[in-house]
Amino acid sequence: MTQPPNVPGNPPGPRPPAWQGPPRVPPGGYQVPPGPQAPVVKRIPEDQPFVARPSVLKRLLVFGPVALVVVLAFTCPLALVLTTESPDSTSGDIVAVLAFAGCMLFVVAGAVSLQVFLITSGGPVLAAGPAGLWIKTRPTRGQAIWLPWESIERISRRRWALEKMVVVKPRDPRTEGNLGVFTAIDSSLLKVFYGSGFTATLNFADRGEHEIMAAIAQYSNGRTLIV
């Protein structure tokens, strides 16, 4: 085999053929993909056989009284102090208490309304069909992921405070690692409380809890564990 000629500065002796050299990398910064990734969309499609949507009315019926209790918890002690410890209290003190209560109610109602809007404005929370399940990846946005039934390890129900959730745990933990930084931050609390970032509300949806779980059991058809 013919060897390439010696070049000044190179040690003498045989060298590999000219066709041998460092491996060539395709142009464009190509990298070998880590594996198949589940489809991610900005909003759960509503053409599925079963779709569960968020209910604004149910949330307002629960969080409205909670906001009122918070306002009363701050204003009642203030009114009590002004009326019992100050015998010279006047109508101006009462007006001040009412003004404070109004400001508190405005702030709390605004915060509750914003939270309800962020949670309910992202479209459906869950959709199921014979092939798999669409479920949201962020609690305050519409981003969702599609999981085949065979790729789901377990579906369970969890409750924390006023919220009851259906929690979907994929078999491959890498499924939750390719959804972006903001999704990881937004769903970090869900992972702490529920063990997975793929959750959907059960008690604040337009479908009842039993209807949602019955649809999941029907379409999964024994291909995943439901507890």
Protein backbone atom coordinates (compact mmCIF):
# COMPACT_ATOMS: atom_id res chain seq x y z
CA MET A 1 0.00 0.00 0.00
CA THR A 2 1.36 3.37 -1.01
CA GLN A 3 2.01 5.71 1.90
CA PRO A 4 1.75 9.48 1.62
CA PRO A 5 5.10 11.24 1.41
CA ASN A 6 6.80 12.52 4.50
CA VAL A 7 6.12 16.13 5.36
CA PRO A 8 8.86 18.16 7.07
CA GLY A 9 8.21 18.24 10.76
CA ASN A 10 6.46 14.85 10.89
CA PRO A 11 8.25 11.83 12.38
CA PRO A 12 9.48 9.31 9.84
CA GLY A 13 7.78 5.99 9.48
CA PRO A 14 4.59 4.55 8.10
CA ARG A 15 1.40 6.56 8.37
CA PRO A 16 -2.21 5.60 7.85
CA PRO A 17 -3.68 5.83 4.37
CA ALA A 18 -4.85 9.24 3.21
CA TRP A 19 -8.54 8.27 3.50
CA GLN A 20 -8.21 7.71 7.23
CA GLY A 21 -8.71 10.73 9.47
CA PRO A 22 -10.97 12.24 12.09
CA PRO A 23 -14.69 11.46 11.77
CA ARG A 24 -16.59 13.97 9.72
CA VAL A 25 -19.56 15.76 11.29
CA PRO A 26 -22.42 16.75 9.00
CA PRO A 27 -22.75 20.52 8.52
CA GLY A 28 -25.28 22.60 10.40
CA GLY A 29 -24.39 21.52 13.93
CA TYR A 30 -26.18 18.18 13.58
CA GLN A 31 -26.50 16.12 16.74
CA VAL A 32 -27.87 12.64 17.19
CA PRO A 33 -31.33 13.00 18.72
CA PRO A 34 -31.74 11.48 22.20
CA GLY A 35 -34.78 9.49 21.15
CA PRO A 36 -38.39 9.88 20.11
CA GLN A 37 -40.19 12.77 21.78
CA ALA A 38 -43.89 13.02 22.49
CA PRO A 39 -45.82 15.66 20.51
CA VAL A 40 -46.23 18.98 22.35
CA VAL A 41 -48.83 21.55 21.32
CA LYS A 42 -49.85 25.00 22.57
CA ARG A 43 -53.43 23.91 23.20
CA ILE A 44 -55.20 20.58 23.59
CA PRO A 45 -57.16 19.79 20.40
CA GLU A 46 -60.91 19.77 20.97
CA ASP A 47 -61.77 17.18 18.30
CA GLN A 48 -61.02 14.24 20.59
CA PRO A 49 -63.68 11.72 21.64
CA PHE A 50 -63.59 12.97 25.23
CA VAL A 51 -62.60 16.50 26.26
CA ALA A 52 -62.61 18.08 29.74
CA ARG A 53 -62.52 21.89 29.93
CA PRO A 54 -61.93 24.20 32.90
CA SER A 55 -65.00 25.64 34.62
CA VAL A 56 -64.75 29.34 35.50
CA LEU A 57 -68.03 29.22 37.45
CA LYS A 58 -66.89 26.42 39.75
CA ARG A 59 -63.68 28.26 40.61
CA LEU A 60 -65.46 31.54 41.29
CA LEU A 61 -68.02 29.82 43.52
CA VAL A 62 -65.16 28.48 45.66
CA PHE A 63 -62.59 31.27 45.54
CA GLY A 64 -65.17 34.08 45.86
CA PRO A 65 -66.10 33.18 49.45
CA VAL A 66 -62.42 32.56 50.23
CA ALA A 67 -61.58 36.10 49.09
CA LEU A 68 -64.41 37.49 51.23
CA VAL A 69 -63.13 35.63 54.31
CA VAL A 70 -59.64 37.05 53.77
CA VAL A 71 -61.03 40.60 53.59
CA LEU A 72 -63.12 40.12 56.73
CA ALA A 73 -60.14 38.64 58.57
CA PHE A 74 -58.28 41.93 58.10
CA THR A 75 -61.10 44.45 58.49
CA CYS A 76 -62.98 43.00 61.46
CA PRO A 77 -60.08 43.29 63.94
CA LEU A 78 -59.47 46.85 62.76
CA ALA A 79 -63.12 47.78 63.23
CA LEU A 80 -63.12 46.14 66.66
CA VAL A 81 -60.10 48.13 67.78
CA LEU A 82 -61.56 51.43 66.62
CA THR A 83 -64.96 50.90 68.24
CA THR A 84 -63.98 49.35 71.59
CA GLU A 85 -60.65 50.98 72.50
CA SER A 86 -61.54 54.46 71.27
CA PRO A 87 -64.67 55.84 72.97
CA ASP A 88 -64.37 59.01 70.89
CA SER A 89 -64.73 57.14 67.60
CA THR A 90 -66.67 59.06 65.03
CA SER A 91 -68.28 58.41 61.71
CA GLY A 92 -64.93 59.22 60.11
CA ASP A 93 -63.45 56.10 61.69
CA ILE A 94 -66.25 53.99 60.25
CA VAL A 95 -65.66 55.50 56.84
CA ALA A 96 -61.95 54.71 57.17
CA VAL A 97 -62.74 51.08 58.00
CA LEU A 98 -65.13 50.81 55.07
CA ALA A 99 -62.55 52.37 52.75
CA PHE A 100 -59.91 49.93 53.97
CA ALA A 101 -62.31 47.02 53.44
CA GLY A 102 -63.08 48.25 49.94
CA CYS A 103 -59.41 48.50 49.05
CA MET A 104 -58.72 45.04 50.44
CA LEU A 105 -61.66 43.59 48.53
CA PHE A 106 -60.45 45.20 45.31
CA VAL A 107 -56.90 43.85 45.71
CA VAL A 108 -57.95 40.32 46.71
CA ALA A 109 -60.65 40.12 44.05
CA GLY A 110 -58.15 41.29 41.43
CA ALA A 111 -55.61 38.66 42.47
CA VAL A 112 -58.22 35.89 42.46
CA SER A 113 -59.59 36.98 39.08
CA LEU A 114 -56.10 37.03 37.56
CA GLN A 115 -55.35 33.57 38.90
CA VAL A 116 -58.64 32.16 37.61
CA PHE A 117 -57.99 33.75 34.21
CA LEU A 118 -54.49 32.27 33.94
CA ILE A 119 -55.74 28.81 34.87
CA THR A 120 -58.86 28.71 32.71
CA SER A 121 -57.75 30.60 29.59
CA GLY A 122 -55.49 27.85 28.24
CA GLY A 123 -58.19 25.68 26.75
CA PRO A 124 -59.08 22.09 27.71
CA VAL A 125 -57.24 20.44 30.59
CA LEU A 126 -57.50 16.85 29.32
CA ALA A 127 -58.58 14.91 26.25
CA ALA A 128 -58.71 11.16 25.77
CA GLY A 129 -59.13 8.80 22.84
CA PRO A 130 -58.46 5.17 21.89
CA ALA A 131 -54.78 5.86 21.05
CA GLY A 132 -53.73 7.99 24.00
CA LEU A 133 -54.19 10.97 26.25
CA TRP A 134 -53.67 14.73 25.87
CA ILE A 135 -52.83 16.46 29.15
CA LYS A 136 -51.52 19.90 30.11
CA THR A 137 -47.87 20.34 31.04
CA ARG A 138 -48.30 23.77 32.70
CA PRO A 139 -51.01 24.75 35.20
CA THR A 140 -51.32 28.34 33.98
CA ARG A 141 -50.89 27.90 30.22
CA GLY A 142 -52.37 25.79 27.47
CA GLN A 143 -49.25 23.79 26.56
CA ALA A 144 -50.05 20.09 26.43
CA ILE A 145 -48.41 16.78 25.59
CA TRP A 146 -49.76 13.65 23.96
CA LEU A 147 -48.96 10.31 25.60
CA PRO A 148 -49.89 6.90 24.19
CA TRP A 149 -51.57 4.72 26.78
CA GLU A 150 -48.67 2.26 26.64
CA SER A 151 -46.21 5.01 27.65
CA ILE A 152 -48.12 5.88 30.85
CA GLU A 153 -46.98 4.08 33.98
CA ARG A 154 -49.76 5.19 36.34
CA ILE A 155 -52.80 7.45 36.54
CA SER A 156 -53.87 8.45 40.04
CA ARG A 157 -55.96 10.99 41.92
CA ARG A 158 -54.43 13.41 44.41
CA ARG A 159 -55.82 16.23 46.53
CA TRP A 160 -54.03 19.27 47.89
CA ALA A 161 -55.96 22.07 49.62
CA LEU A 162 -59.04 22.86 47.51
CA GLU A 163 -57.78 21.22 44.32
CA LYS A 164 -58.27 17.59 43.33
CA MET A 165 -56.16 16.42 40.42
CA VAL A 166 -55.74 13.49 38.10
CA VAL A 167 -51.99 12.85 37.89
CA VAL A 168 -50.37 11.14 34.92
CA LYS A 169 -46.92 9.63 35.40
CA PRO A 170 -45.08 8.56 32.22
CA ARG A 171 -42.93 5.44 32.14
CA ASP A 172 -39.95 7.33 30.76
CA PRO A 173 -38.87 10.12 33.16
CA ARG A 174 -37.14 11.90 30.28
CA THR A 175 -40.56 12.81 28.89
CA GLU A 176 -40.79 15.71 31.35
CA GLY A 177 -37.25 16.91 30.68
CA ASN A 178 -37.64 18.24 27.14
CA LEU A 179 -40.43 20.79 27.64
CA GLY A 180 -38.43 23.96 28.22
CA VAL A 181 -37.20 26.01 31.16
CA PHE A 182 -40.42 27.93 31.77
CA THR A 183 -42.45 24.73 31.83
CA ALA A 184 -40.04 23.19 34.33
CA ILE A 185 -40.39 26.22 36.62
CA ASP A 186 -44.16 26.41 36.22
CA SER A 187 -44.69 22.73 36.99
CA SER A 188 -42.08 22.37 39.75
CA LEU A 189 -44.66 22.77 42.54
CA LEU A 190 -46.89 20.19 40.88
CA LYS A 191 -44.04 17.69 40.99
CA VAL A 192 -43.49 18.42 44.68
CA PHE A 193 -47.13 17.91 45.68
CA TYR A 194 -48.29 15.36 43.10
CA GLY A 195 -45.15 13.60 41.88
CA SER A 196 -45.65 14.60 38.23
CA GLY A 197 -46.02 17.77 36.19
CA PHE A 198 -48.78 16.24 34.04
CA THR A 199 -51.98 17.02 35.90
CA ALA A 200 -55.58 18.01 35.22
CA THR A 201 -58.21 19.29 37.61
CA LEU A 202 -61.06 17.02 38.60
CA ASN A 203 -63.28 19.22 40.77
CA PHE A 204 -62.96 22.42 38.69
CA ALA A 205 -63.70 20.94 35.25
CA ASP A 206 -66.91 21.07 33.23
CA ARG A 207 -67.11 17.27 33.54
CA GLY A 208 -67.59 15.46 36.82
CA GLU A 209 -64.83 13.46 38.47
CA HIS A 210 -66.56 10.12 37.91
CA GLU A 211 -67.18 10.96 34.25
CA ILE A 212 -63.52 11.86 33.68
CA MET A 213 -62.17 8.75 35.39
CA ALA A 214 -64.70 6.54 33.58
CA ALA A 215 -63.57 7.93 30.22
CA ILE A 216 -59.91 7.34 31.10
CA ALA A 217 -60.66 3.76 32.12
CA GLN A 218 -62.71 3.16 28.97
CA TYR A 219 -60.19 4.47 26.46
CA SER A 220 -57.07 3.12 28.20
CA ASN A 221 -58.64 -0.35 28.16
CA GLY A 222 -56.25 -1.83 30.71
CA ARG A 223 -53.07 -0.54 29.04
CA THR A 224 -52.06 1.51 32.08
CA LEU A 225 -52.50 1.31 35.85
CA ILE A 226 -55.31 3.46 37.28
CA VAL A 227 -55.32 3.89 41.06
